[in-house]
Amino acid sequence: MTGKKGSDRVFDFNYQITRELRKDLERAGIPYKDGLGRSFDFHAFKKSGITALAQAKVDVLKVRDLAEHRDVRLTTTAYHDAMGQPMDEVFAGMPKIK
């Protein structure tokens, strides 16, 4: 038993963890920043998870709760990455170019 409750956080996001992640990325040859200036940090994990849940059409209020956000706007604007979703549905309705 760890003495932890179900509502306790799994990770303590502090400088040490971030520093270790950056070292792991460097060893793996993965850049910390991509060509668009986006950082590979713990927020990136959260953003990709929220984007996957949105793609799976999980109710936005449930996603907000899982993300531990008070305001759904934070979930839908800062953490939902439309660029991370397939665009098939968007392009399917467009007229074909001949």
PDB file of N, CA and C in Angstrom:
ATOM      1  N   MET A   1       0.850  -1.184   0.000  1.00  0.00           N
ATOM      2  CA  MET A   1       0.000   0.000   0.000  1.00  0.00           C
ATOM      3  C   MET A   1       0.892   1.242   0.000  1.00  0.00           C
ATOM      4  N   THR A   2       0.491   2.220  -0.771  1.00  0.00           N
ATOM      5  CA  THR A   2       1.278   3.445  -0.888  1.00  0.00           C
ATOM      6  C   THR A   2       0.719   4.566  -0.028  1.00  0.00           C
ATOM      7  N   GLY A   3      -0.496   4.393   0.460  1.00  0.00           N
ATOM      8  CA  GLY A   3      -1.124   5.472   1.206  1.00  0.00           C
ATOM      9  C   GLY A   3      -1.761   6.511   0.304  1.00  0.00           C
ATOM     10  N   LYS A   4      -1.715   6.279  -1.001  1.00  0.00           N
ATOM     11  CA  LYS A   4      -2.289   7.218  -1.968  1.00  0.00           C
ATOM     12  C   LYS A   4      -3.784   6.946  -2.127  1.00  0.00           C
ATOM     13  N   LYS A   5      -4.512   8.001  -2.417  1.00  0.00           N
ATOM     14  CA  LYS A   5      -5.939   7.894  -2.701  1.00  0.00           C
ATOM     15  C   LYS A   5      -6.138   7.948  -4.208  1.00  0.00           C
ATOM     16  N   GLY A   6      -7.296   7.528  -4.667  1.00  0.00           N
ATOM     17  CA  GLY A   6      -7.604   7.549  -6.084  1.00  0.00           C
ATOM     18  C   GLY A   6      -7.576   8.940  -6.680  1.00  0.00           C
ATOM     19  N   SER A   7      -7.772   9.954  -5.860  1.00  0.00           N
ATOM     20  CA  SER A   7      -7.772  11.330  -6.366  1.00  0.00           C
ATOM     21  C   SER A   7      -6.383  11.974  -6.332  1.00  0.00           C
ATOM     22  N   ASP A   8      -5.379  11.299  -5.770  1.00  0.00           N
ATOM     23  CA  ASP A   8      -4.026  11.853  -5.712  1.00  0.00           C
ATOM     24  C   ASP A   8      -3.396  11.876  -7.107  1.00  0.00           C
ATOM     25  N   ARG A   9      -2.572  12.854  -7.357  1.00  0.00           N
ATOM     26  CA  ARG A   9      -1.881  12.959  -8.645  1.00  0.00           C
ATOM     27  C   ARG A   9      -0.845  11.854  -8.769  1.00  0.00           C
ATOM     28  N   VAL A  10      -0.649  11.390 -10.006  1.00  0.00           N
ATOM     29  CA  VAL A  10       0.325  10.340 -10.264  1.00  0.00           C
ATOM     30  C   VAL A  10       1.729  10.921 -10.316  1.00  0.00           C
ATOM     31  N   PHE A  11       1.872  12.086 -10.972  1.00  0.00           N
ATOM     32  CA  PHE A  11       3.183  12.705 -11.134  1.00  0.00           C
ATOM     33  C   PHE A  11       3.249  14.030 -10.395  1.00  0.00           C
ATOM     34  N   ASP A  12       4.440  14.350  -9.916  1.00  0.00           N
ATOM     35  CA  ASP A  12       4.723  15.665  -9.366  1.00  0.00           C
ATOM     36  C   ASP A  12       5.574  16.366 -10.422  1.00  0.00           C
ATOM     37  N   PHE A  13       4.951  17.252 -11.205  1.00  0.00           N
ATOM     38  CA  PHE A  13       5.653  17.899 -12.310  1.00  0.00           C
ATOM     39  C   PHE A  13       6.593  18.970 -11.778  1.00  0.00           C
ATOM     40  N   ASN A  14       7.803  18.605 -11.590  1.00  0.00           N
ATOM     41  CA  ASN A  14       8.781  19.579 -11.130  1.00  0.00           C
ATOM     42  C   ASN A  14       9.957  19.648 -12.099  1.00  0.00           C
ATOM     43  N   TYR A  15      10.863  20.513 -11.807  1.00  0.00           N
ATOM     44  CA  TYR A  15      12.010  20.744 -12.680  1.00  0.00           C
ATOM     45  C   TYR A  15      12.811  19.468 -12.926  1.00  0.00           C
ATOM     46  N   GLN A  16      12.997  18.649 -11.920  1.00  0.00           N
ATOM     47  CA  GLN A  16      13.802  17.432 -12.051  1.00  0.00           C
ATOM     48  C   GLN A  16      13.216  16.492 -13.098  1.00  0.00           C
ATOM     49  N   ILE A  17      11.918  16.303 -13.083  1.00  0.00           N
ATOM     50  CA  ILE A  17      11.278  15.412 -14.044  1.00  0.00           C
ATOM     51  C   ILE A  17      11.438  15.972 -15.453  1.00  0.00           C
ATOM     52  N   THR A  18      11.225  17.264 -15.617  1.00  0.00           N
ATOM     53  CA  THR A  18      11.362  17.898 -16.926  1.00  0.00           C
ATOM     54  C   THR A  18      12.789  17.761 -17.439  1.00  0.00           C
ATOM     55  N   ARG A  19      13.744  17.950 -16.570  1.00  0.00           N
ATOM     56  CA  ARG A  19      15.154  17.824 -16.956  1.00  0.00           C
ATOM     57  C   ARG A  19      15.463  16.393 -17.408  1.00  0.00           C
ATOM     58  N   GLU A  20      14.930  15.410 -16.690  1.00  0.00           N
ATOM     59  CA  GLU A  20      15.152  14.006 -17.056  1.00  0.00           C
ATOM     60  C   GLU A  20      14.501  13.683 -18.400  1.00  0.00           C
ATOM     61  N   LEU A  21      13.311  14.214 -18.647  1.00  0.00           N
ATOM     62  CA  LEU A  21      12.650  13.988 -19.930  1.00  0.00           C
ATOM     63  C   LEU A  21      13.494  14.549 -21.072  1.00  0.00           C
ATOM     64  N   ARG A  22      14.030  15.738 -20.882  1.00  0.00           N
ATOM     65  CA  ARG A  22      14.853  16.345 -21.940  1.00  0.00           C
ATOM     66  C   ARG A  22      16.101  15.505 -22.207  1.00  0.00           C
ATOM     67  N   LYS A  23      16.703  14.945 -21.168  1.00  0.00           N
ATOM     68  CA  LYS A  23      17.864  14.083 -21.365  1.00  0.00           C
ATOM     69  C   LYS A  23      17.473  12.818 -22.123  1.00  0.00           C
ATOM     70  N   ASP A  24      16.324  12.236 -21.788  1.00  0.00           N
ATOM     71  CA  ASP A  24      15.841  11.033 -22.482  1.00  0.00           C
ATOM     72  C   ASP A  24      15.589  11.328 -23.957  1.00  0.00           C
ATOM     73  N   LEU A  25      14.978  12.466 -24.245  1.00  0.00           N
ATOM     74  CA  LEU A  25      14.720  12.850 -25.631  1.00  0.00           C
ATOM     75  C   LEU A  25      16.027  12.997 -26.402  1.00  0.00           C
ATOM     76  N   GLU A  26      17.003  13.631 -25.764  1.00  0.00           N
ATOM     77  CA  GLU A  26      18.298  13.826 -26.419  1.00  0.00           C
ATOM     78  C   GLU A  26      18.952  12.479 -26.731  1.00  0.00           C
ATOM     79  N   ARG A  27      18.916  11.558 -25.764  1.00  0.00           N
ATOM     80  CA  ARG A  27      19.501  10.226 -25.987  1.00  0.00           C
ATOM     81  C   ARG A  27      18.782   9.478 -27.109  1.00  0.00           C
ATOM     82  N   ALA A  28      17.488   9.699 -27.245  1.00  0.00           N
ATOM     83  CA  ALA A  28      16.697   9.019 -28.272  1.00  0.00           C
ATOM     84  C   ALA A  28      16.764   9.730 -29.622  1.00  0.00           C
ATOM     85  N   GLY A  29      17.421  10.894 -29.662  1.00  0.00           N
ATOM     86  CA  GLY A  29      17.525  11.635 -30.906  1.00  0.00           C
ATOM     87  C   GLY A  29      16.245  12.357 -31.293  1.00  0.00           C
ATOM     88  N   ILE A  30      15.410  12.635 -30.300  1.00  0.00           N
ATOM     89  CA  ILE A  30      14.146  13.336 -30.537  1.00  0.00           C
ATOM     90  C   ILE A  30      14.332  14.793 -30.129  1.00  0.00           C
ATOM     91  N   PRO A  31      14.094  15.722 -31.039  1.00  0.00           N
ATOM     92  CA  PRO A  31      14.273  17.138 -30.683  1.00  0.00           C
ATOM     93  C   PRO A  31      13.242  17.598 -29.660  1.00  0.00           C
ATOM     94  N   TYR A  32      13.656  18.453 -28.753  1.00  0.00           N
ATOM     95  CA  TYR A  32      12.736  18.994 -27.745  1.00  0.00           C
ATOM     96  C   TYR A  32      11.713  19.908 -28.400  1.00  0.00           C
ATOM     97  N   LYS A  33      12.129  20.653 -29.428  1.00  0.00           N
ATOM     98  CA  LYS A  33      11.217  21.523 -30.181  1.00  0.00           C
ATOM     99  C   LYS A  33      11.181  21.051 -31.629  1.00  0.00           C
ATOM    100  N   ASP A  34       9.969  21.065 -32.204  1.00  0.00           N
ATOM    101  CA  ASP A  34       9.855  20.659 -33.605  1.00  0.00           C
ATOM    102  C   ASP A  34       9.955  21.876 -34.524  1.00  0.00           C
ATOM    103  N   GLY A  35       9.774  21.664 -35.798  1.00  0.00           N
ATOM    104  CA  GLY A  35       9.899  22.728 -36.785  1.00  0.00           C
ATOM    105  C   GLY A  35       8.871  23.825 -36.638  1.00  0.00           C
ATOM    106  N   LEU A  36       7.778  23.553 -35.923  1.00  0.00           N
ATOM    107  CA  LEU A  36       6.737  24.554 -35.690  1.00  0.00           C
ATOM    108  C   LEU A  36       6.918  25.260 -34.344  1.00  0.00           C
ATOM    109  N   GLY A  37       7.998  24.910 -33.628  1.00  0.00           N
ATOM    110  CA  GLY A  37       8.268  25.546 -32.340  1.00  0.00           C
ATOM    111  C   GLY A  37       7.527  24.921 -31.167  1.00  0.00           C
ATOM    112  N   ARG A  38       6.892  23.757 -31.391  1.00  0.00           N
ATOM    113  CA  ARG A  38       6.164  23.093 -30.307  1.00  0.00           C
ATOM    114  C   ARG A  38       7.140  22.286 -29.465  1.00  0.00           C
ATOM    115  N   SER A  39       6.958  22.303 -28.156  1.00  0.00           N
ATOM    116  CA  SER A  39       7.844  21.608 -27.230  1.00  0.00           C
ATOM    117  C   SER A  39       7.313  20.224 -26.896  1.00  0.00           C
ATOM    118  N   PHE A  40       8.229  19.269 -26.730  1.00  0.00           N
ATOM    119  CA  PHE A  40       7.884  17.921 -26.296  1.00  0.00           C
ATOM    120  C   PHE A  40       8.081  17.897 -24.780  1.00  0.00           C
ATOM    121  N   ASP A  41       7.019  18.194 -24.066  1.00  0.00           N
ATOM    122  CA  ASP A  41       7.080  18.203 -22.613  1.00  0.00           C
ATOM    123  C   ASP A  41       5.856  17.463 -22.078  1.00  0.00           C
ATOM    124  N   PHE A  42       5.640  17.528 -20.798  1.00  0.00           N
ATOM    125  CA  PHE A  42       4.508  16.799 -20.228  1.00  0.00           C
ATOM    126  C   PHE A  42       3.174  17.368 -20.695  1.00  0.00           C
ATOM    127  N   HIS A  43       3.139  18.645 -21.042  1.00  0.00           N
ATOM    128  CA  HIS A  43       1.912  19.206 -21.593  1.00  0.00           C
ATOM    129  C   HIS A  43       1.620  18.602 -22.969  1.00  0.00           C
ATOM    130  N   ALA A  44       2.666  18.232 -23.696  1.00  0.00           N
ATOM    131  CA  ALA A  44       2.474  17.591 -24.998  1.00  0.00           C
ATOM    132  C   ALA A  44       1.780  16.238 -24.825  1.00  0.00           C
ATOM    133  N   PHE A  45       2.136  15.506 -23.774  1.00  0.00           N
ATOM    134  CA  PHE A  45       1.451  14.241 -23.490  1.00  0.00           C
ATOM    135  C   PHE A  45      -0.034  14.502 -23.227  1.00  0.00           C
ATOM    136  N   LYS A  46      -0.309  15.516 -22.440  1.00  0.00           N
ATOM    137  CA  LYS A  46      -1.696  15.851 -22.105  1.00  0.00           C
ATOM    138  C   LYS A  46      -2.445  16.296 -23.361  1.00  0.00           C
ATOM    139  N   LYS A  47      -1.786  17.104 -24.175  1.00  0.00           N
ATOM    140  CA  LYS A  47      -2.421  17.597 -25.397  1.00  0.00           C
ATOM    141  C   LYS A  47      -2.731  16.449 -26.356  1.00  0.00           C
ATOM    142  N   SER A  48      -1.801  15.520 -26.519  1.00  0.00           N
ATOM    143  CA  SER A  48      -2.054  14.407 -27.427  1.00  0.00           C
ATOM    144  C   SER A  48      -3.153  13.495 -26.888  1.00  0.00           C
ATOM    145  N   GLY A  49      -3.216  13.330 -25.580  1.00  0.00           N
ATOM    146  CA  GLY A  49      -4.288  12.528 -24.977  1.00  0.00           C
ATOM    147  C   GLY A  49      -5.648  13.162 -25.173  1.00  0.00           C
ATOM    148  N   ILE A  50      -5.736  14.461 -24.948  1.00  0.00           N
ATOM    149  CA  ILE A  50      -7.003  15.185 -25.115  1.00  0.00           C
ATOM    150  C   ILE A  50      -7.423  15.174 -26.584  1.00  0.00           C
ATOM    151  N   THR A  51      -6.456  15.320 -27.488  1.00  0.00           N
ATOM    152  CA  THR A  51      -6.762  15.278 -28.917  1.00  0.00           C
ATOM    153  C   THR A  51      -7.297  13.899 -29.308  1.00  0.00           C
ATOM    154  N   ALA A  52      -6.703  12.848 -28.776  1.00  0.00           N
ATOM    155  CA  ALA A  52      -7.174  11.488 -29.072  1.00  0.00           C
ATOM    156  C   ALA A  52      -8.584  11.275 -28.539  1.00  0.00           C
ATOM    157  N   LEU A  53      -8.867  11.798 -27.349  1.00  0.00           N
ATOM    158  CA  LEU A  53     -10.222  11.663 -26.790  1.00  0.00           C
ATOM    159  C   LEU A  53     -11.232  12.427 -27.637  1.00  0.00           C
ATOM    160  N   ALA A  54     -10.857  13.600 -28.117  1.00  0.00           N
ATOM    161  CA  ALA A  54     -11.750  14.378 -28.987  1.00  0.00           C
ATOM    162  C   ALA A  54     -11.996  13.631 -30.290  1.00  0.00           C
ATOM    163  N   GLN A  55     -10.947  13.029 -30.832  1.00  0.00           N
ATOM    164  CA  GLN A  55     -11.070  12.265 -32.067  1.00  0.00           C
ATOM    165  C   GLN A  55     -12.008  11.071 -31.859  1.00  0.00           C
ATOM    166  N   ALA A  56     -11.981  10.501 -30.665  1.00  0.00           N
ATOM    167  CA  ALA A  56     -12.861   9.372 -30.338  1.00  0.00           C
ATOM    168  C   ALA A  56     -14.272   9.834 -29.976  1.00  0.00           C
ATOM    169  N   LYS A  57     -14.487  11.150 -30.055  1.00  0.00           N
ATOM    170  CA  LYS A  57     -15.787  11.769 -29.789  1.00  0.00           C
ATOM    171  C   LYS A  57     -16.274  11.562 -28.348  1.00  0.00           C
ATOM    172  N   VAL A  58     -15.321  11.562 -27.406  1.00  0.00           N
ATOM    173  CA  VAL A  58     -15.660  11.512 -25.985  1.00  0.00           C
ATOM    174  C   VAL A  58     -16.263  12.861 -25.605  1.00  0.00           C
ATOM    175  N   ASP A  59     -17.294  12.849 -24.809  1.00  0.00           N
ATOM    176  CA  ASP A  59     -17.973  14.078 -24.382  1.00  0.00           C
ATOM    177  C   ASP A  59     -16.968  15.067 -23.814  1.00  0.00           C
ATOM    178  N   VAL A  60     -17.025  16.308 -24.287  1.00  0.00           N
ATOM    179  CA  VAL A  60     -16.046  17.327 -23.921  1.00  0.00           C
ATOM    180  C   VAL A  60     -16.031  17.595 -22.408  1.00  0.00           C
ATOM    181  N   LEU A  61     -17.157  17.470 -21.741  1.00  0.00           N
ATOM    182  CA  LEU A  61     -17.166  17.691 -20.289  1.00  0.00           C
ATOM    183  C   LEU A  61     -16.448  16.563 -19.549  1.00  0.00           C
ATOM    184  N   LYS A  62     -16.529  15.355 -20.072  1.00  0.00           N
ATOM    185  CA  LYS A  62     -15.777  14.247 -19.474  1.00  0.00           C
ATOM    186  C   LYS A  62     -14.282  14.440 -19.694  1.00  0.00           C
ATOM    187  N   VAL A  63     -13.937  14.910 -20.900  1.00  0.00           N
ATOM    188  CA  VAL A  63     -12.525  15.181 -21.190  1.00  0.00           C
ATOM    189  C   VAL A  63     -12.007  16.274 -20.262  1.00  0.00           C
ATOM    190  N   ARG A  64     -12.797  17.329 -20.074  1.00  0.00           N
ATOM    191  CA  ARG A  64     -12.405  18.415 -19.172  1.00  0.00           C
ATOM    192  C   ARG A  64     -12.135  17.870 -17.770  1.00  0.00           C
ATOM    193  N   ASP A  65     -13.020  17.003 -17.302  1.00  0.00           N
ATOM    194  CA  ASP A  65     -12.841  16.433 -15.960  1.00  0.00           C
ATOM    195  C   ASP A  65     -11.582  15.577 -15.885  1.00  0.00           C
ATOM    196  N   LEU A  66     -11.341  14.754 -16.903  1.00  0.00           N
ATOM    197  CA  LEU A  66     -10.130  13.922 -16.923  1.00  0.00           C
ATOM    198  C   LEU A  66      -8.868  14.786 -16.937  1.00  0.00           C
ATOM    199  N   ALA A  67      -8.945  15.928 -17.627  1.00  0.00           N
ATOM    200  CA  ALA A  67      -7.799  16.829 -17.715  1.00  0.00           C
ATOM    201  C   ALA A  67      -7.626  17.684 -16.460  1.00  0.00           C
ATOM    202  N   GLU A  68      -8.603  17.605 -15.564  1.00  0.00           N
ATOM    203  CA  GLU A  68      -8.597  18.388 -14.324  1.00  0.00           C
ATOM    204  C   GLU A  68      -8.591  19.883 -14.602  1.00  0.00           C
ATOM    205  N   HIS A  69      -9.363  20.296 -15.612  1.00  0.00           N
ATOM    206  CA  HIS A  69      -9.524  21.712 -15.927  1.00  0.00           C
ATOM    207  C   HIS A  69     -10.814  22.223 -15.321  1.00  0.00           C
ATOM    208  N   ARG A  70     -10.807  23.439 -14.832  1.00  0.00           N
ATOM    209  CA  ARG A  70     -12.025  24.054 -14.308  1.00  0.00           C
ATOM    210  C   ARG A  70     -12.901  24.573 -15.442  1.00  0.00           C
ATOM    211  N   ASP A  71     -12.258  25.090 -16.474  1.00  0.00           N
ATOM    212  CA  ASP A  71     -12.972  25.731 -17.574  1.00  0.00           C
ATOM    213  C   ASP A  71     -12.786  24.908 -18.848  1.00  0.00           C
ATOM    214  N   VAL A  72     -13.896  24.522 -19.461  1.00  0.00           N
ATOM    215  CA  VAL A  72     -13.844  23.705 -20.674  1.00  0.00           C
ATOM    216  C   VAL A  72     -13.124  24.426 -21.810  1.00  0.00           C
ATOM    217  N   ARG A  73     -13.074  25.750 -21.768  1.00  0.00           N
ATOM    218  CA  ARG A  73     -12.376  26.487 -22.820  1.00  0.00           C
ATOM    219  C   ARG A  73     -10.884  26.171 -22.833  1.00  0.00           C
ATOM    220  N   LEU A  74     -10.299  25.919 -21.675  1.00  0.00           N
ATOM    221  CA  LEU A  74      -8.892  25.537 -21.631  1.00  0.00           C
ATOM    222  C   LEU A  74      -8.707  24.193 -22.336  1.00  0.00           C
ATOM    223  N   THR A  75      -9.613  23.271 -22.087  1.00  0.00           N
ATOM    224  CA  THR A  75      -9.548  21.953 -22.714  1.00  0.00           C
ATOM    225  C   THR A  75      -9.675  22.052 -24.225  1.00  0.00           C
ATOM    226  N   THR A  76     -10.617  22.851 -24.691  1.00  0.00           N
ATOM    227  CA  THR A  76     -10.913  22.892 -26.121  1.00  0.00           C
ATOM    228  C   THR A  76     -10.018  23.829 -26.924  1.00  0.00           C
ATOM    229  N   THR A  77      -9.385  24.784 -26.285  1.00  0.00           N
ATOM    230  CA  THR A  77      -8.550  25.716 -27.042  1.00  0.00           C
ATOM    231  C   THR A  77      -7.058  25.432 -26.868  1.00  0.00           C
ATOM    232  N   ALA A  78      -6.606  25.302 -25.655  1.00  0.00           N
ATOM    233  CA  ALA A  78      -5.170  25.129 -25.427  1.00  0.00           C
ATOM    234  C   ALA A  78      -4.704  23.684 -25.589  1.00  0.00           C
ATOM    235  N   TYR A  79      -5.568  22.727 -25.293  1.00  0.00           N
ATOM    236  CA  TYR A  79      -5.125  21.337 -25.277  1.00  0.00           C
ATOM    237  C   TYR A  79      -5.671  20.469 -26.395  1.00  0.00           C
ATOM    238  N   HIS A  80      -6.626  20.942 -27.145  1.00  0.00           N
ATOM    239  CA  HIS A  80      -7.138  20.165 -28.282  1.00  0.00           C
ATOM    240  C   HIS A  80      -6.416  20.633 -29.531  1.00  0.00           C
ATOM    241  N   ASP A  81      -5.692  19.730 -30.163  1.00  0.00           N
ATOM    242  CA  ASP A  81      -4.886  20.067 -31.332  1.00  0.00           C
ATOM    243  C   ASP A  81      -5.582  19.577 -32.595  1.00  0.00           C
ATOM    244  N   ALA A  82      -6.259  20.481 -33.279  1.00  0.00           N
ATOM    245  CA  ALA A  82      -6.968  20.109 -34.510  1.00  0.00           C
ATOM    246  C   ALA A  82      -5.998  19.574 -35.560  1.00  0.00           C
ATOM    247  N   MET A  83      -4.761  20.045 -35.534  1.00  0.00           N
ATOM    248  CA  MET A  83      -3.772  19.566 -36.502  1.00  0.00           C
ATOM    249  C   MET A  83      -3.398  18.112 -36.249  1.00  0.00           C
ATOM    250  N   GLY A  84      -3.679  17.625 -35.055  1.00  0.00           N
ATOM    251  CA  GLY A  84      -3.363  16.237 -34.718  1.00  0.00           C
ATOM    252  C   GLY A  84      -4.448  15.267 -35.118  1.00  0.00           C
ATOM    253  N   GLN A  85      -5.515  15.766 -35.701  1.00  0.00           N
ATOM    254  CA  GLN A  85      -6.626  14.915 -36.090  1.00  0.00           C
ATOM    255  C   GLN A  85      -6.644  14.697 -37.589  1.00  0.00           C
ATOM    256  N   PRO A  86      -7.099  13.519 -38.023  1.00  0.00           N
ATOM    257  CA  PRO A  86      -7.206  13.270 -39.469  1.00  0.00           C
ATOM    258  C   PRO A  86      -8.175  14.251 -40.111  1.00  0.00           C
ATOM    259  N   MET A  87      -7.857  14.679 -41.295  1.00  0.00           N
ATOM    260  CA  MET A  87      -8.691  15.646 -41.998  1.00  0.00           C
ATOM    261  C   MET A  87      -9.594  14.983 -43.030  1.00  0.00           C
ATOM    262  N   ASP A  88      -9.667  13.643 -43.029  1.00  0.00           N
ATOM    263  CA  ASP A  88     -10.476  12.919 -44.015  1.00  0.00           C
ATOM    264  C   ASP A  88     -11.917  13.418 -44.063  1.00  0.00           C
ATOM    265  N   GLU A  89     -12.529  13.591 -42.890  1.00  0.00           N
ATOM    266  CA  GLU A  89     -13.923  14.016 -42.849  1.00  0.00           C
ATOM    267  C   GLU A  89     -14.093  15.418 -43.436  1.00  0.00           C
ATOM    268  N   VAL A  90     -13.130  16.276 -43.180  1.00  0.00           N
ATOM    269  CA  VAL A  90     -13.202  17.656 -43.691  1.00  0.00           C
ATOM    270  C   VAL A  90     -13.132  17.648 -45.208  1.00  0.00           C
ATOM    271  N   PHE A  91     -12.176  16.908 -45.748  1.00  0.00           N
ATOM    272  CA  PHE A  91     -11.964  16.900 -47.192  1.00  0.00           C
ATOM    273  C   PHE A  91     -12.995  16.069 -47.935  1.00  0.00           C
ATOM    274  N   ALA A  92     -13.648  15.128 -47.272  1.00  0.00           N
ATOM    275  CA  ALA A  92     -14.624  14.254 -47.936  1.00  0.00           C
ATOM    276  C   ALA A  92     -15.778  15.051 -48.541  1.00  0.00           C
ATOM    277  N   GLY A  93     -16.175  16.142 -47.920  1.00  0.00           N
ATOM    278  CA  GLY A  93     -17.301  16.936 -48.411  1.00  0.00           C
ATOM    279  C   GLY A  93     -16.923  17.956 -49.468  1.00  0.00           C
ATOM    280  N   MET A  94     -15.647  18.080 -49.774  1.00  0.00           N
ATOM    281  CA  MET A  94     -15.224  19.072 -50.760  1.00  0.00           C
ATOM    282  C   MET A  94     -15.394  18.527 -52.170  1.00  0.00           C
ATOM    283  N   PRO A  95     -15.673  19.413 -53.126  1.00  0.00           N
ATOM    284  CA  PRO A  95     -15.808  18.964 -54.523  1.00  0.00           C
ATOM    285  C   PRO A  95     -14.472  18.452 -55.050  1.00  0.00           C
ATOM    286  N   LYS A  96     -14.542  17.487 -55.928  1.00  0.00           N
ATOM    287  CA  LYS A  96     -13.335  16.904 -56.537  1.00  0.00           C
ATOM    288  C   LYS A  96     -12.783  17.867 -57.587  1.00  0.00           C
ATOM    289  N   ILE A  97     -11.480  17.979 -57.634  1.00  0.00           N
ATOM    290  CA  ILE A  97     -10.816  18.812 -58.638  1.00  0.00           C
ATOM    291  C   ILE A  97     -10.523  17.933 -59.837  1.00  0.00           C
ATOM    292  N   LYS A  98     -10.939  18.392 -61.006  1.00  0.00           N
ATOM    293  CA  LYS A  98     -10.762  17.577 -62.215  1.00  0.00           C
ATOM    294  C   LYS A  98      -9.546  18.003 -62.985  1.00  0.00           C
TER     295      LYS A  98
END
